C-alpha cells in the first residue's frame, strides 16, 4: 500500500480534496445508510423468536461494548493526532456503550431507559454531527466508517428490547435517566480539568455545533446549566415520542417485568 493510500484510509495527512465536509456526498451516504440499517435491523429484531432472543441480546451487548475499544485503539495506533487519554468511556456515546450492555444483559430498567432517553439521541447526533476531528480525515477513512457503524449499533441495541416485546420506556424512570446523565457530567468535569479533555462537552462547547450556539446565546457562565436543561429536554422528547408511538400503535400492556431490575 502506498503512503498516499495509507493516509487516505488512516491518517490526517489525506489529500485535501478527500477531506470530510459536513453535508458532502459521503456524509449524506452514511446518513442514508444509518436510516436503512437501523430500520431494517429493528424490523428483523421483531421477527426473532423468544428462544433466540437472549443470544441476540448478548451478541448486541458485546458488540456495543467493543465500540469504545476497537475504533479508538485503531485511531491512536495509526497516529491520527489522537491521545489515548481522550478515549476513556466518559463521552455520552462511549459511556452509553458500557452502560447499555449492562442494561441489556441484566435487564436493568434505569440503564435501559438511559439508553433510550440519552443513548439513542447521542448516537444519532454523532452521526449527523461527527465532530471537529473528522474535518482532518478523509471521507473514505476507516475511522469515519467505524464511527458511523459504531453509532448505528447502540441505536439498534437500545431499540432491540422494544422490538422483541419484553421492555418499553417508562416515564417513571425519567428522573433516574436524567440523574445518570448528570452523574456522568459530574464525573467528566474534573477529569477534563486534569487531562485537558472535553468529555460530555461539559467544559466547553464543541465547535460548529448547537452547543456553541447555546454558549454564545446564554454565555459561558450559564453553559453548564443550559447543557443540563438540554439533556432534560432531550430525554423528555424521547419519552414523549415513545408515548405517541405507543398510543398510535395501540400497544398491549407492558409485559411481565419479572427479572427486570431497577
Protein backbone atom coordinates (compact mmCIF):
# COMPACT_ATOMS: atom_id res chain seq x y z
CA UNK A 1 0.00 0.00 0.00
CA UNK A 2 1.47 3.36 -0.98
CA UNK A 3 1.74 6.08 1.63
CA UNK A 4 -0.98 8.16 -0.11
CA UNK A 5 -3.48 5.31 0.23
CA UNK A 6 -2.42 4.75 3.82
CA UNK A 7 -3.04 8.43 4.58
CA UNK A 8 -6.38 8.33 2.80
CA UNK A 9 -7.57 5.45 4.96
CA UNK A 10 -5.91 6.06 8.31
CA UNK A 11 -4.24 9.44 8.93
CA UNK A 12 -4.81 13.20 8.98
CA UNK A 13 -2.38 13.55 6.08
CA UNK A 14 -5.04 12.68 3.49
CA UNK A 15 -5.14 14.77 0.28
CA UNK A 16 -7.14 17.99 0.84
CA UNK A 17 -9.69 17.16 -1.86
CA UNK A 18 -10.66 13.97 0.02
CA UNK A 19 -11.24 15.55 3.45
CA UNK A 20 -14.60 15.07 5.14
CA UNK A 21 -17.01 18.02 4.86
CA UNK A 22 -20.39 18.23 6.59
CA UNK A 23 -23.11 17.61 4.00
CA UNK A 24 -20.81 16.16 1.34
CA UNK A 25 -21.76 13.07 -0.65
CA UNK A 26 -20.09 10.65 1.78
CA UNK A 27 -21.80 12.22 4.78
CA UNK A 28 -25.19 12.02 3.05
CA UNK A 29 -24.46 8.41 2.10
CA UNK A 30 -23.83 7.49 5.73
CA UNK A 31 -26.94 9.35 6.87
CA UNK A 32 -29.00 7.35 4.38
CA UNK A 33 -27.22 4.14 5.33
CA UNK A 34 -27.99 4.79 9.01
CA UNK A 35 -31.71 5.08 8.30
CA UNK A 36 -31.69 1.89 6.23
CA UNK A 37 -29.55 -0.16 8.65
CA UNK A 38 -31.41 0.92 11.80
CA UNK A 39 -34.86 0.49 10.28
CA UNK A 40 -34.06 -2.89 8.72
CA UNK A 41 -32.35 -4.17 11.87
CA UNK A 42 -35.23 -3.19 14.15
CA UNK A 43 -37.70 -4.81 11.77
CA UNK A 44 -35.60 -8.00 11.77
CA UNK A 45 -35.48 -7.98 15.58
CA UNK A 46 -39.27 -8.07 15.72
CA UNK A 47 -39.05 -11.45 14.00
CA UNK A 48 -36.61 -13.06 16.46
CA UNK A 49 -38.34 -16.00 18.21
CA UNK A 50 -38.37 -15.91 22.04
CA UNK A 51 -35.97 -18.84 22.39
CA UNK A 52 -33.26 -16.95 20.43
CA UNK A 53 -33.71 -13.52 21.98
CA UNK A 54 -31.20 -13.98 24.80
CA UNK A 55 -28.49 -14.99 22.32
CA UNK A 56 -29.19 -11.96 20.12
CA UNK A 57 -29.20 -9.63 23.14
CA UNK A 58 -25.82 -10.98 24.29
CA UNK A 59 -24.37 -10.51 20.80
CA UNK A 60 -25.65 -6.93 20.64
CA UNK A 61 -24.41 -6.15 24.15
CA UNK A 62 -20.85 -7.31 23.49
CA UNK A 63 -20.79 -5.66 20.06
CA UNK A 64 -21.82 -2.31 21.57
CA UNK A 65 -19.23 -2.69 24.34
CA UNK A 66 -16.50 -3.16 21.74
CA UNK A 67 -17.14 0.18 20.01
CA UNK A 68 -15.41 2.26 22.69
CA UNK A 69 -12.35 0.00 22.48
CA UNK A 70 -11.70 -1.00 18.85
CA UNK A 71 -12.17 2.27 16.85
CA UNK A 72 -10.22 4.50 19.31
CA UNK A 73 -7.45 1.91 19.52
CA UNK A 74 -7.08 1.96 15.74
CA UNK A 75 -7.07 5.76 15.69
CA UNK A 76 -4.35 6.01 18.31
CA UNK A 77 -2.21 3.23 16.82
CA UNK A 78 -2.24 4.80 13.36
CA UNK A 79 -1.30 8.23 14.76
CA UNK A 80 -4.11 10.49 13.58
CA UNK A 81 -3.35 13.05 16.27
CA UNK A 82 -5.42 11.26 18.89
CA UNK A 83 -4.47 10.88 22.56
CA UNK A 84 -5.28 7.71 24.49
CA UNK A 85 -6.49 9.85 27.38
CA UNK A 86 -9.24 11.26 25.16
CA UNK A 87 -10.84 7.85 24.75
CA UNK A 88 -11.95 6.95 28.25
CA UNK A 89 -15.62 5.84 28.37
CA UNK A 90 -16.75 9.28 29.57
CA UNK A 91 -18.37 10.78 26.48
CA UNK A 92 -22.10 10.25 26.18
CA UNK A 93 -21.70 7.64 23.44
CA UNK A 94 -18.74 5.81 24.97
CA UNK A 95 -20.26 5.76 28.45
CA UNK A 96 -23.50 4.53 26.90
CA UNK A 97 -21.53 1.79 25.13
CA UNK A 98 -20.60 0.48 28.60
CA UNK A 99 -23.93 1.09 30.36
CA UNK A 100 -26.23 -0.13 27.57
CA UNK A 101 -24.69 -3.64 27.50
CA UNK A 102 -25.08 -3.88 31.28
CA UNK A 103 -28.69 -2.75 30.93
CA UNK A 104 -29.35 -5.34 28.24
CA UNK A 105 -27.64 -8.25 29.98
CA UNK A 106 -29.14 -7.52 33.39
CA UNK A 107 -32.42 -6.13 32.05
CA UNK A 108 -31.92 -3.10 34.26
CA UNK A 109 -34.74 -0.58 33.97
CA UNK A 110 -32.68 2.52 34.80
CA UNK A 111 -29.95 1.73 32.28
CA UNK A 112 -32.40 0.67 29.57
CA UNK A 113 -34.27 3.95 29.97
CA UNK A 114 -30.97 5.86 29.97
CA UNK A 115 -30.02 4.15 26.71
CA UNK A 116 -33.33 5.10 25.15
CA UNK A 117 -33.55 8.63 26.55
CA UNK A 118 -29.96 9.78 26.06
CA UNK A 119 -28.05 6.98 24.32
CA UNK A 120 -30.12 7.00 21.13
CA UNK A 121 -30.18 10.79 20.57
CA UNK A 122 -26.48 10.98 21.45
CA UNK A 123 -25.58 8.32 18.88
CA UNK A 124 -27.76 9.92 16.19
CA UNK A 125 -26.25 13.34 16.91
CA UNK A 126 -22.77 11.83 16.49
CA UNK A 127 -23.74 10.50 13.06
CA UNK A 128 -25.27 13.83 11.97
CA UNK A 129 -22.51 15.97 13.55
CA UNK A 130 -19.41 13.77 13.72
CA UNK A 131 -17.25 16.40 15.37
CA UNK A 132 -14.33 18.64 14.64
CA UNK A 133 -11.74 15.88 14.29
CA UNK A 134 -13.34 14.49 11.14
CA UNK A 135 -12.57 17.73 9.29
CA UNK A 136 -8.98 16.49 9.24
CA UNK A 137 -9.75 12.99 7.98
CA UNK A 138 -10.67 11.64 4.59
CA UNK A 139 -14.35 10.95 3.85
CA UNK A 140 -13.17 7.46 2.95
CA UNK A 141 -11.15 6.82 6.09
CA UNK A 142 -11.52 3.62 8.09
CA UNK A 143 -12.09 5.79 11.17
CA UNK A 144 -15.10 7.55 9.67
CA UNK A 145 -16.58 4.21 8.59
CA UNK A 146 -16.16 2.78 12.10
CA UNK A 147 -17.54 5.97 13.64
CA UNK A 148 -20.79 5.59 11.72
CA UNK A 149 -21.18 1.83 12.15
CA UNK A 150 -20.21 2.16 15.81
CA UNK A 151 -23.02 4.68 16.42
CA UNK A 152 -25.68 2.83 14.45
CA UNK A 153 -25.14 -0.24 16.63
CA UNK A 154 -26.10 1.33 20.00
CA UNK A 155 -29.30 2.71 18.47
CA UNK A 156 -30.26 -0.78 17.29
CA UNK A 157 -29.29 -2.26 20.67
CA UNK A 158 -31.41 0.27 22.57
CA UNK A 159 -34.41 -0.46 20.36
CA UNK A 160 -33.90 -4.26 20.45
CA UNK A 161 -35.84 -4.98 23.69
CA UNK A 162 -38.73 -2.85 22.43
CA UNK A 163 -38.73 -4.65 19.09
CA UNK A 164 -38.61 -8.01 20.85
CA UNK A 165 -41.53 -7.02 23.06
CA UNK A 166 -40.08 -7.58 26.53
CA UNK A 167 -39.43 -3.97 27.54
CA UNK A 168 -40.64 -0.44 26.89
CA UNK A 169 -39.57 3.04 28.09
CA UNK A 170 -41.35 4.32 31.17
CA UNK A 171 -41.85 7.93 32.30
CA UNK A 172 -41.43 6.69 35.86
CA UNK A 173 -37.71 6.42 35.15
CA UNK A 174 -37.34 9.92 33.72
CA UNK A 175 -35.67 11.32 36.90
CA UNK A 176 -33.29 8.35 37.09
CA UNK A 177 -32.40 8.71 33.40
CA UNK A 178 -31.56 12.38 33.88
CA UNK A 179 -29.73 11.51 37.09
CA UNK A 180 -27.41 9.09 35.28
CA UNK A 181 -26.65 11.76 32.68
CA UNK A 182 -25.93 14.44 35.31
CA UNK A 183 -23.77 12.00 37.30
CA UNK A 184 -21.68 11.29 34.20
CA UNK A 185 -21.30 15.04 33.62
CA UNK A 186 -20.18 15.48 37.24
CA UNK A 187 -17.54 12.78 36.79
CA UNK A 188 -16.38 14.15 33.43
CA UNK A 189 -15.90 17.76 34.63
CA UNK A 190 -12.91 17.21 36.97
CA UNK A 191 -11.43 14.57 34.64
CA UNK A 192 -11.47 17.19 31.87
CA UNK A 193 -9.73 19.67 34.15
CA UNK A 194 -6.97 17.18 34.88
CA UNK A 195 -6.49 15.76 31.37
CA UNK A 196 -7.38 18.75 29.18
CA UNK A 197 -10.11 16.70 27.53
CA UNK A 198 -13.73 17.69 27.00
CA UNK A 199 -15.76 14.61 27.86
CA UNK A 200 -19.52 15.13 27.66
CA UNK A 201 -18.67 18.59 26.26
CA UNK A 202 -19.15 19.97 29.79
CA UNK A 203 -16.02 22.15 29.94
CA UNK A 204 -16.51 23.93 26.64
CA UNK A 205 -18.91 23.66 23.67
CA UNK A 206 -17.95 21.60 20.63
CA UNK A 207 -17.06 23.95 17.80
CA UNK A 208 -19.59 24.26 14.98
CA UNK A 209 -22.43 22.57 16.91
CA UNK A 210 -25.65 23.62 18.61
CA UNK A 211 -23.70 23.68 21.88
CA UNK A 212 -21.54 26.54 20.60
CA UNK A 213 -24.70 28.45 19.66
CA UNK A 214 -26.15 27.89 23.14
CA UNK A 215 -22.92 29.10 24.76
CA UNK A 216 -22.99 32.27 22.63
CA UNK A 217 -26.65 32.84 23.49
CA UNK A 218 -26.54 32.29 27.24
CA UNK A 219 -22.87 33.00 27.98
CA UNK A 220 -20.13 30.68 29.20
CA UNK A 221 -21.19 31.07 32.84
CA UNK A 222 -24.60 29.57 32.04
CA UNK A 223 -23.32 26.97 29.60
CA UNK A 224 -23.29 24.03 32.02
CA UNK A 225 -26.78 24.65 33.49
CA UNK A 226 -28.13 25.06 29.95
CA UNK A 227 -26.45 21.76 28.99
CA UNK A 228 -28.32 20.01 31.84
CA UNK A 229 -31.60 21.62 30.74
CA UNK A 230 -30.91 20.49 27.17
CA UNK A 231 -30.34 16.91 28.38
CA UNK A 232 -33.61 17.05 30.34
CA UNK A 233 -35.45 18.32 27.26
CA UNK A 234 -33.96 15.62 25.01
CA UNK A 235 -34.99 12.86 27.43
CA UNK A 236 -38.50 14.31 27.71
CA UNK A 237 -38.75 14.50 23.92
CA UNK A 238 -37.68 10.85 23.56
CA UNK A 239 -40.19 9.67 26.16
CA UNK A 240 -42.84 11.87 24.55
CA UNK A 241 -42.16 10.38 21.12
CA UNK A 242 -42.47 6.91 22.64
CA UNK A 243 -45.80 7.81 24.27
CA UNK A 244 -47.18 9.00 20.91
CA UNK A 245 -45.89 5.91 19.06
CA UNK A 246 -47.30 3.59 21.72
CA UNK A 247 -50.67 5.33 21.58
CA UNK A 248 -50.82 5.28 17.78
CA UNK A 249 -49.89 1.62 17.55
CA UNK A 250 -52.18 0.68 20.44
CA UNK A 251 -49.52 -1.39 22.08
CA UNK A 252 -50.59 -4.06 24.54
CA UNK A 253 -49.98 -3.54 28.28
CA UNK A 254 -46.36 -3.88 29.34
CA UNK A 255 -45.19 -7.49 29.52
CA UNK A 256 -44.44 -9.10 32.86
CA UNK A 257 -41.30 -7.29 34.06
CA UNK A 258 -40.17 -10.13 36.31
CA UNK A 259 -36.43 -10.34 36.04
CA UNK A 260 -36.09 -6.68 35.06
CA UNK A 261 -34.25 -4.86 37.82
CA UNK A 262 -34.29 -1.27 38.98
